Amino acid sequence: HADRGQGQAEYATALDEEVALKPKTISHREAAALPI
């Protein structure tokens, strides 16, 4: 969420509605570019 953020860290908290299983066929690098 815009008012939560704080994702550029080694650990971050998230709510269920913010999270989905990563596509299996791509890397974390590629997946991090996708959500917005």
PDB file of all heavy atoms in Angstrom:
ATOM      1  N   HIS A   1       0.827  -1.207   0.000  1.00  0.00           N
ATOM      2  CA  HIS A   1       0.000   0.000   0.000  1.00  0.00           C
ATOM      3  C   HIS A   1       0.861   1.256   0.000  1.00  0.00           C
ATOM      4  O   HIS A   1       1.956   1.277   0.592  1.00  0.00           O
ATOM      5  CB  HIS A   1      -0.883   0.036   1.248  1.00  0.00           C
ATOM      6  CG  HIS A   1      -2.167  -0.722   1.117  1.00  0.00           C
ATOM      7  ND1 HIS A   1      -3.267  -0.215   0.475  1.00  0.00           N
ATOM      8  CD2 HIS A   1      -2.527  -1.957   1.554  1.00  0.00           C
ATOM      9  CE1 HIS A   1      -4.260  -1.091   0.527  1.00  0.00           C
ATOM     10  NE2 HIS A   1      -3.838  -2.164   1.174  1.00  0.00           N
ATOM     11  N   ALA A   2       0.346   2.321  -0.625  1.00  0.00           N
ATOM     12  CA  ALA A   2       1.088   3.580  -0.708  1.00  0.00           C
ATOM     13  C   ALA A   2       1.486   4.103   0.665  1.00  0.00           C
ATOM     14  O   ALA A   2       2.585   4.639   0.845  1.00  0.00           O
ATOM     15  CB  ALA A   2       0.252   4.628  -1.445  1.00  0.00           C
ATOM     16  N   ASP A   3       0.607   3.944   1.651  1.00  0.00           N
ATOM     17  CA  ASP A   3       0.909   4.490   2.977  1.00  0.00           C
ATOM     18  C   ASP A   3       1.662   3.497   3.864  1.00  0.00           C
ATOM     19  O   ASP A   3       1.964   3.806   5.015  1.00  0.00           O
ATOM     20  CB  ASP A   3      -0.370   4.948   3.682  1.00  0.00           C
ATOM     21  CG  ASP A   3      -1.388   3.835   3.867  1.00  0.00           C
ATOM     22  OD1 ASP A   3      -1.151   2.720   3.337  1.00  0.00           O
ATOM     23  OD2 ASP A   3      -2.408   4.075   4.515  1.00  0.00           O
ATOM     24  N   ARG A   4       1.995   2.313   3.322  1.00  0.00           N
ATOM     25  CA  ARG A   4       2.779   1.333   4.074  1.00  0.00           C
ATOM     26  C   ARG A   4       4.212   1.274   3.538  1.00  0.00           C
ATOM     27  O   ARG A   4       5.160   1.528   4.247  1.00  0.00           O
ATOM     28  CB  ARG A   4       2.117  -0.049   4.001  1.00  0.00           C
ATOM     29  CG  ARG A   4       0.854  -0.165   4.839  1.00  0.00           C
ATOM     30  CD  ARG A   4       0.125  -1.465   4.565  1.00  0.00           C
ATOM     31  NE  ARG A   4       0.993  -2.636   4.646  1.00  0.00           N
ATOM     32  CZ  ARG A   4       1.332  -3.236   5.794  1.00  0.00           C
ATOM     33  NH1 ARG A   4       0.880  -2.757   6.946  1.00  0.00           N
ATOM     34  NH2 ARG A   4       2.101  -4.300   5.786  1.00  0.00           N
ATOM     35  N   GLY A   5       4.350   0.953   2.275  1.00  0.00           N
ATOM     36  CA  GLY A   5       5.657   0.959   1.633  1.00  0.00           C
ATOM     37  C   GLY A   5       6.721   0.224   2.416  1.00  0.00           C
ATOM     38  O   GLY A   5       6.525  -0.884   2.898  1.00  0.00           O
ATOM     39  N   GLN A   6       7.908   0.839   2.522  1.00  0.00           N
ATOM     40  CA  GLN A   6       9.031   0.331   3.310  1.00  0.00           C
ATOM     41  C   GLN A   6       9.541  -1.010   2.795  1.00  0.00           C
ATOM     42  O   GLN A   6       9.987  -1.868   3.545  1.00  0.00           O
ATOM     43  CB  GLN A   6       8.652   0.243   4.798  1.00  0.00           C
ATOM     44  CG  GLN A   6       8.163   1.574   5.359  1.00  0.00           C
ATOM     45  CD  GLN A   6       7.762   1.508   6.812  1.00  0.00           C
ATOM     46  OE1 GLN A   6       8.606   1.612   7.682  1.00  0.00           O
ATOM     47  NE2 GLN A   6       6.475   1.342   7.064  1.00  0.00           N
ATOM     48  N   GLY A   7       9.501  -1.168   1.455  1.00  0.00           N
ATOM     49  CA  GLY A   7       9.906  -2.429   0.856  1.00  0.00           C
ATOM     50  C   GLY A   7      11.377  -2.546   0.518  1.00  0.00           C
ATOM     51  O   GLY A   7      11.880  -3.651   0.326  1.00  0.00           O
ATOM     52  N   GLN A   8      12.092  -1.416   0.424  1.00  0.00           N
ATOM     53  CA  GLN A   8      13.505  -1.471   0.051  1.00  0.00           C
ATOM     54  C   GLN A   8      14.377  -1.719   1.282  1.00  0.00           C
ATOM     55  O   GLN A   8      15.131  -0.859   1.737  1.00  0.00           O
ATOM     56  CB  GLN A   8      13.911  -0.196  -0.684  1.00  0.00           C
ATOM     57  CG  GLN A   8      13.322  -0.128  -2.088  1.00  0.00           C
ATOM     58  CD  GLN A   8      13.717   1.109  -2.842  1.00  0.00           C
ATOM     59  OE1 GLN A   8      14.685   1.786  -2.513  1.00  0.00           O
ATOM     60  NE2 GLN A   8      12.947   1.467  -3.859  1.00  0.00           N
ATOM     61  N   ALA A   9      14.241  -2.916   1.800  1.00  0.00           N
ATOM     62  CA  ALA A   9      14.967  -3.332   2.994  1.00  0.00           C
ATOM     63  C   ALA A   9      15.098  -4.851   2.965  1.00  0.00           C
ATOM     64  O   ALA A   9      14.417  -5.537   2.187  1.00  0.00           O
ATOM     65  CB  ALA A   9      14.230  -2.887   4.259  1.00  0.00           C
ATOM     66  N   GLU A  10      15.955  -5.370   3.802  1.00  0.00           N
ATOM     67  CA  GLU A  10      16.149  -6.816   3.809  1.00  0.00           C
ATOM     68  C   GLU A  10      14.902  -7.560   4.280  1.00  0.00           C
ATOM     69  O   GLU A  10      14.710  -8.739   3.928  1.00  0.00           O
ATOM     70  CB  GLU A  10      17.345  -7.170   4.691  1.00  0.00           C
ATOM     71  CG  GLU A  10      18.674  -6.743   4.076  1.00  0.00           C
ATOM     72  CD  GLU A  10      19.868  -7.169   4.899  1.00  0.00           C
ATOM     73  OE1 GLU A  10      19.905  -6.832   6.110  1.00  0.00           O
ATOM     74  OE2 GLU A  10      20.763  -7.837   4.342  1.00  0.00           O
ATOM     75  N   TYR A  11      14.064  -6.902   5.063  1.00  0.00           N
ATOM     76  CA  TYR A  11      12.799  -7.475   5.510  1.00  0.00           C
ATOM     77  C   TYR A  11      11.713  -6.424   5.415  1.00  0.00           C
ATOM     78  O   TYR A  11      11.946  -5.241   5.686  1.00  0.00           O
ATOM     79  CB  TYR A  11      12.897  -7.980   6.956  1.00  0.00           C
ATOM     80  CG  TYR A  11      13.765  -9.202   7.124  1.00  0.00           C
ATOM     81  CD1 TYR A  11      15.127  -9.075   7.353  1.00  0.00           C
ATOM     82  CD2 TYR A  11      13.226 -10.482   7.033  1.00  0.00           C
ATOM     83  CE1 TYR A  11      15.938 -10.201   7.492  1.00  0.00           C
ATOM     84  CE2 TYR A  11      14.021 -11.606   7.175  1.00  0.00           C
ATOM     85  CZ  TYR A  11      15.379 -11.459   7.407  1.00  0.00           C
ATOM     86  OH  TYR A  11      16.168 -12.574   7.531  1.00  0.00           O
ATOM     87  N   ALA A  12      10.502  -6.862   5.047  1.00  0.00           N
ATOM     88  CA  ALA A  12       9.356  -5.957   4.963  1.00  0.00           C
ATOM     89  C   ALA A  12       8.095  -6.716   5.347  1.00  0.00           C
ATOM     90  O   ALA A  12       7.964  -7.912   5.054  1.00  0.00           O
ATOM     91  CB  ALA A  12       9.214  -5.397   3.554  1.00  0.00           C
ATOM     92  N   THR A  13       7.171  -6.023   5.992  1.00  0.00           N
ATOM     93  CA  THR A  13       5.890  -6.634   6.336  1.00  0.00           C
ATOM     94  C   THR A  13       4.874  -6.336   5.246  1.00  0.00           C
ATOM     95  O   THR A  13       4.949  -5.323   4.548  1.00  0.00           O
ATOM     96  CB  THR A  13       5.357  -6.117   7.679  1.00  0.00           C
ATOM     97  OG1 THR A  13       5.220  -4.694   7.625  1.00  0.00           O
ATOM     98  CG2 THR A  13       6.293  -6.503   8.814  1.00  0.00           C
ATOM     99  N   ALA A  14       3.910  -7.247   5.106  1.00  0.00           N
ATOM    100  CA  ALA A  14       2.884  -7.098   4.080  1.00  0.00           C
ATOM    101  C   ALA A  14       1.578  -7.696   4.566  1.00  0.00           C
ATOM    102  O   ALA A  14       1.561  -8.554   5.462  1.00  0.00           O
ATOM    103  CB  ALA A  14       3.322  -7.766   2.779  1.00  0.00           C
ATOM    104  N   LEU A  15       0.488  -7.238   3.970  1.00  0.00           N
ATOM    105  CA  LEU A  15      -0.834  -7.784   4.229  1.00  0.00           C
ATOM    106  C   LEU A  15      -1.193  -8.791   3.152  1.00  0.00           C
ATOM    107  O   LEU A  15      -0.666  -8.747   2.034  1.00  0.00           O
ATOM    108  CB  LEU A  15      -1.870  -6.653   4.262  1.00  0.00           C
ATOM    109  CG  LEU A  15      -1.667  -5.594   5.336  1.00  0.00           C
ATOM    110  CD1 LEU A  15      -2.630  -4.432   5.120  1.00  0.00           C
ATOM    111  CD2 LEU A  15      -1.850  -6.198   6.721  1.00  0.00           C
ATOM    112  N   ASP A  16      -2.116  -9.683   3.461  1.00  0.00           N
ATOM    113  CA  ASP A  16      -2.490 -10.754   2.547  1.00  0.00           C
ATOM    114  C   ASP A  16      -2.904 -10.215   1.180  1.00  0.00           C
ATOM    115  O   ASP A  16      -2.548 -10.781   0.140  1.00  0.00           O
ATOM    116  CB  ASP A  16      -3.637 -11.560   3.162  1.00  0.00           C
ATOM    117  CG  ASP A  16      -3.708 -12.972   2.607  1.00  0.00           C
ATOM    118  OD1 ASP A  16      -2.654 -13.571   2.364  1.00  0.00           O
ATOM    119  OD2 ASP A  16      -4.832 -13.463   2.410  1.00  0.00           O
ATOM    120  N   GLU A  17      -3.648  -9.106   1.161  1.00  0.00           N
ATOM    121  CA  GLU A  17      -4.148  -8.549  -0.102  1.00  0.00           C
ATOM    122  C   GLU A  17      -3.031  -7.977  -0.972  1.00  0.00           C
ATOM    123  O   GLU A  17      -3.231  -7.709  -2.154  1.00  0.00           O
ATOM    124  CB  GLU A  17      -5.156  -7.436   0.184  1.00  0.00           C
ATOM    125  CG  GLU A  17      -4.533  -6.206   0.831  1.00  0.00           C
ATOM    126  CD  GLU A  17      -5.522  -5.394   1.640  1.00  0.00           C
ATOM    127  OE1 GLU A  17      -6.223  -5.972   2.490  1.00  0.00           O
ATOM    128  OE2 GLU A  17      -5.583  -4.177   1.412  1.00  0.00           O
ATOM    129  N   GLU A  18      -1.856  -7.786  -0.389  1.00  0.00           N
ATOM    130  CA  GLU A  18      -0.735  -7.198  -1.115  1.00  0.00           C
ATOM    131  C   GLU A  18       0.176  -8.251  -1.748  1.00  0.00           C
ATOM    132  O   GLU A  18       1.052  -7.902  -2.543  1.00  0.00           O
ATOM    133  CB  GLU A  18       0.109  -6.347  -0.162  1.00  0.00           C
ATOM    134  CG  GLU A  18      -0.660  -5.196   0.486  1.00  0.00           C
ATOM    135  CD  GLU A  18       0.128  -4.511   1.584  1.00  0.00           C
ATOM    136  OE1 GLU A  18       0.949  -5.177   2.245  1.00  0.00           O
ATOM    137  OE2 GLU A  18      -0.081  -3.288   1.787  1.00  0.00           O
ATOM    138  N   VAL A  19      -0.010  -9.513  -1.420  1.00  0.00           N
ATOM    139  CA  VAL A  19       0.977 -10.558  -1.725  1.00  0.00           C
ATOM    140  C   VAL A  19       0.364 -11.658  -2.588  1.00  0.00           C
ATOM    141  O   VAL A  19      -0.763 -12.091  -2.365  1.00  0.00           O
ATOM    142  CB  VAL A  19       1.517 -11.187  -0.422  1.00  0.00           C
ATOM    143  CG1 VAL A  19       2.632 -12.181  -0.729  1.00  0.00           C
ATOM    144  CG2 VAL A  19       1.999 -10.123   0.539  1.00  0.00           C
ATOM    145  N   ALA A  20       1.147 -12.121  -3.560  1.00  0.00           N
ATOM    146  CA  ALA A  20       0.764 -13.292  -4.361  1.00  0.00           C
ATOM    147  C   ALA A  20       1.992 -14.166  -4.565  1.00  0.00           C
ATOM    148  O   ALA A  20       3.127 -13.700  -4.439  1.00  0.00           O
ATOM    149  CB  ALA A  20       0.188 -12.861  -5.706  1.00  0.00           C
ATOM    150  N   LEU A  21       1.763 -15.429  -4.873  1.00  0.00           N
ATOM    151  CA  LEU A  21       2.881 -16.310  -5.179  1.00  0.00           C
ATOM    152  C   LEU A  21       3.609 -15.804  -6.422  1.00  0.00           C
ATOM    153  O   LEU A  21       2.982 -15.436  -7.421  1.00  0.00           O
ATOM    154  CB  LEU A  21       2.398 -17.740  -5.400  1.00  0.00           C
ATOM    155  CG  LEU A  21       1.805 -18.440  -4.163  1.00  0.00           C
ATOM    156  CD1 LEU A  21       1.283 -19.821  -4.557  1.00  0.00           C
ATOM    157  CD2 LEU A  21       2.838 -18.563  -3.047  1.00  0.00           C
ATOM    158  N   LYS A  22       4.911 -15.787  -6.357  1.00  0.00           N
ATOM    159  CA  LYS A  22       5.738 -15.323  -7.463  1.00  0.00           C
ATOM    160  C   LYS A  22       5.592 -16.253  -8.667  1.00  0.00           C
ATOM    161  O   LYS A  22       5.479 -17.474  -8.489  1.00  0.00           O
ATOM    162  CB  LYS A  22       7.203 -15.284  -7.015  1.00  0.00           C
ATOM    163  CG  LYS A  22       8.196 -14.825  -8.076  1.00  0.00           C
ATOM    164  CD  LYS A  22       9.626 -14.894  -7.569  1.00  0.00           C
ATOM    165  CE  LYS A  22      10.158 -16.307  -7.535  1.00  0.00           C
ATOM    166  NZ  LYS A  22      10.318 -16.901  -8.891  1.00  0.00           N
ATOM    167  N   PRO A  23       5.601 -15.692  -9.888  1.00  0.00           N
ATOM    168  CA  PRO A  23       5.654 -16.580 -11.058  1.00  0.00           C
ATOM    169  C   PRO A  23       6.846 -17.534 -10.945  1.00  0.00           C
ATOM    170  O   PRO A  23       7.966 -17.113 -10.629  1.00  0.00           O
ATOM    171  CB  PRO A  23       5.834 -15.600 -12.226  1.00  0.00           C
ATOM    172  CG  PRO A  23       5.248 -14.308 -11.740  1.00  0.00           C
ATOM    173  CD  PRO A  23       5.549 -14.263 -10.265  1.00  0.00           C
ATOM    174  N   LYS A  24       6.608 -18.791 -11.214  1.00  0.00           N
ATOM    175  CA  LYS A  24       7.644 -19.798 -10.998  1.00  0.00           C
ATOM    176  C   LYS A  24       8.767 -19.732 -12.029  1.00  0.00           C
ATOM    177  O   LYS A  24       9.880 -20.183 -11.769  1.00  0.00           O
ATOM    178  CB  LYS A  24       7.016 -21.192 -11.022  1.00  0.00           C
ATOM    179  CG  LYS A  24       6.006 -21.431  -9.911  1.00  0.00           C
ATOM    180  CD  LYS A  24       5.337 -22.792 -10.043  1.00  0.00           C
ATOM    181  CE  LYS A  24       4.297 -23.004  -8.958  1.00  0.00           C
ATOM    182  NZ  LYS A  24       3.587 -24.300  -9.108  1.00  0.00           N
ATOM    183  N   THR A  25       8.467 -19.185 -13.188  1.00  0.00           N
ATOM    184  CA  THR A  25       9.413 -19.246 -14.301  1.00  0.00           C
ATOM    185  C   THR A  25      10.363 -18.056 -14.372  1.00  0.00           C
ATOM    186  O   THR A  25      11.177 -17.973 -15.297  1.00  0.00           O
ATOM    187  CB  THR A  25       8.643 -19.333 -15.633  1.00  0.00           C
ATOM    188  OG1 THR A  25       7.721 -18.225 -15.713  1.00  0.00           O
ATOM    189  CG2 THR A  25       7.875 -20.639 -15.719  1.00  0.00           C
ATOM    190  N   ILE A  26      10.272 -17.121 -13.417  1.00  0.00           N
ATOM    191  CA  ILE A  26      11.139 -15.946 -13.451  1.00  0.00           C
ATOM    192  C   ILE A  26      11.862 -15.787 -12.118  1.00  0.00           C
ATOM    193  O   ILE A  26      11.493 -16.398 -11.107  1.00  0.00           O
ATOM    194  CB  ILE A  26      10.353 -14.655 -13.784  1.00  0.00           C
ATOM    195  CG1 ILE A  26       9.334 -14.326 -12.689  1.00  0.00           C
ATOM    196  CG2 ILE A  26       9.659 -14.789 -15.137  1.00  0.00           C
ATOM    197  CD1 ILE A  26       8.623 -13.004 -12.889  1.00  0.00           C
ATOM    198  N   SER A  27      12.887 -14.957 -12.112  1.00  0.00           N
ATOM    199  CA  SER A  27      13.696 -14.728 -10.922  1.00  0.00           C
ATOM    200  C   SER A  27      13.054 -13.680 -10.017  1.00  0.00           C
ATOM    201  O   SER A  27      12.125 -12.967 -10.407  1.00  0.00           O
ATOM    202  CB  SER A  27      15.083 -14.245 -11.331  1.00  0.00           C
ATOM    203  OG  SER A  27      14.996 -12.950 -11.936  1.00  0.00           O
ATOM    204  N   HIS A  28      13.578 -13.585  -8.800  1.00  0.00           N
ATOM    205  CA  HIS A  28      13.127 -12.525  -7.895  1.00  0.00           C
ATOM    206  C   HIS A  28      13.436 -11.150  -8.478  1.00  0.00           C
ATOM    207  O   HIS A  28      12.670 -10.203  -8.291  1.00  0.00           O
ATOM    208  CB  HIS A  28      13.792 -12.670  -6.527  1.00  0.00           C
ATOM    209  CG  HIS A  28      13.247 -13.792  -5.703  1.00  0.00           C
ATOM    210  ND1 HIS A  28      11.979 -13.766  -5.154  1.00  0.00           N
ATOM    211  CD2 HIS A  28      13.794 -14.987  -5.339  1.00  0.00           C
ATOM    212  CE1 HIS A  28      11.767 -14.886  -4.474  1.00  0.00           C
ATOM    213  NE2 HIS A  28      12.841 -15.644  -4.568  1.00  0.00           N
ATOM    214  N   ARG A  29      14.559 -11.045  -9.165  1.00  0.00           N
ATOM    215  CA  ARG A  29      14.909  -9.770  -9.818  1.00  0.00           C
ATOM    216  C   ARG A  29      13.807  -9.342 -10.774  1.00  0.00           C
ATOM    217  O   ARG A  29      13.361  -8.188 -10.763  1.00  0.00           O
ATOM    218  CB  ARG A  29      16.206  -9.926 -10.621  1.00  0.00           C
ATOM    219  CG  ARG A  29      17.473 -10.170  -9.815  1.00  0.00           C
ATOM    220  CD  ARG A  29      18.616 -10.433 -10.782  1.00  0.00           C
ATOM    221  NE  ARG A  29      19.928 -10.328 -10.152  1.00  0.00           N
ATOM    222  CZ  ARG A  29      21.059 -10.326 -10.826  1.00  0.00           C
ATOM    223  NH1 ARG A  29      21.030 -10.440 -12.159  1.00  0.00           N
ATOM    224  NH2 ARG A  29      22.214 -10.215 -10.197  1.00  0.00           N
ATOM    225  N   GLU A  30      13.380 -10.278 -11.615  1.00  0.00           N
ATOM    226  CA  GLU A  30      12.339  -9.957 -12.597  1.00  0.00           C
ATOM    227  C   GLU A  30      10.992  -9.714 -11.919  1.00  0.00           C
ATOM    228  O   GLU A  30      10.240  -8.810 -12.305  1.00  0.00           O
ATOM    229  CB  GLU A  30      12.232 -11.093 -13.603  1.00  0.00           C
ATOM    230  CG  GLU A  30      13.465 -11.256 -14.476  1.00  0.00           C
ATOM    231  CD  GLU A  30      13.462 -12.557 -15.252  1.00  0.00           C
ATOM    232  OE1 GLU A  30      13.268 -13.633 -14.629  1.00  0.00           O
ATOM    233  OE2 GLU A  30      13.657 -12.508 -16.479  1.00  0.00           O
ATOM    234  N   ALA A  31      10.686 -10.506 -10.902  1.00  0.00           N
ATOM    235  CA  ALA A  31       9.397 -10.369 -10.217  1.00  0.00           C
ATOM    236  C   ALA A  31       9.277  -9.031  -9.499  1.00  0.00           C
ATOM    237  O   ALA A  31       8.188  -8.449  -9.419  1.00  0.00           O
ATOM    238  CB  ALA A  31       9.205 -11.516  -9.225  1.00  0.00           C
ATOM    239  N   ALA A  32      10.387  -8.515  -8.970  1.00  0.00           N
ATOM    240  CA  ALA A  32      10.346  -7.243  -8.245  1.00  0.00           C
ATOM    241  C   ALA A  32      10.029  -6.068  -9.148  1.00  0.00           C
ATOM    242  O   ALA A  32       9.615  -5.007  -8.667  1.00  0.00           O
ATOM    243  CB  ALA A  32      11.683  -7.006  -7.544  1.00  0.00           C
ATOM    244  N   ALA A  33      10.205  -6.230 -10.445  1.00  0.00           N
ATOM    245  CA  ALA A  33       9.904  -5.157 -11.391  1.00  0.00           C
ATOM    246  C   ALA A  33       8.435  -5.105 -11.778  1.00  0.00           C
ATOM    247  O   ALA A  33       7.997  -4.153 -12.427  1.00  0.00           O
ATOM    248  CB  ALA A  33      10.752  -5.339 -12.653  1.00  0.00           C
ATOM    249  N   LEU A  34       7.646  -6.095 -11.365  1.00  0.00           N
ATOM    250  CA  LEU A  34       6.327  -6.293 -11.948  1.00  0.00           C
ATOM    251  C   LEU A  34       5.121  -5.710 -11.216  1.00  0.00           C
ATOM    252  O   LEU A  34       4.162  -5.301 -11.874  1.00  0.00           O
ATOM    253  CB  LEU A  34       6.082  -7.798 -12.129  1.00  0.00           C
ATOM    254  CG  LEU A  34       6.867  -8.476 -13.250  1.00  0.00           C
ATOM    255  CD1 LEU A  34       6.631  -9.980 -13.192  1.00  0.00           C
ATOM    256  CD2 LEU A  34       6.461  -7.923 -14.593  1.00  0.00           C
ATOM    257  N   PRO A  35       5.056  -5.703  -9.880  1.00  0.00           N
ATOM    258  CA  PRO A  35       3.758  -5.451  -9.245  1.00  0.00           C
ATOM    259  C   PRO A  35       3.057  -4.152  -9.642  1.00  0.00           C
ATOM    260  O   PRO A  35       1.874  -4.184 -10.019  1.00  0.00           O
ATOM    261  CB  PRO A  35       4.113  -5.474  -7.745  1.00  0.00           C
ATOM    262  CG  PRO A  35       5.255  -6.431  -7.667  1.00  0.00           C
ATOM    263  CD  PRO A  35       6.062  -6.153  -8.902  1.00  0.00           C
ATOM    264  N   ILE A  36       3.721  -3.006  -9.567  1.00  0.00           N
ATOM    265  CA  ILE A  36       3.046  -1.756  -9.930  1.00  0.00           C
ATOM    266  C   ILE A  36       2.642  -1.753 -11.404  1.00  0.00           C
ATOM    267  O   ILE A  36       1.485  -1.425 -11.729  1.00  0.00           O
ATOM    268  CB  ILE A  36       3.900  -0.531  -9.556  1.00  0.00           C
ATOM    269  CG1 ILE A  36       3.894  -0.339  -8.033  1.00  0.00           C
ATOM    270  CG2 ILE A  36       3.377   0.728 -10.249  1.00  0.00           C
ATOM    271  CD1 ILE A  36       4.752   0.826  -7.551  1.00  0.00           C
TER     272      ILE A  36
END
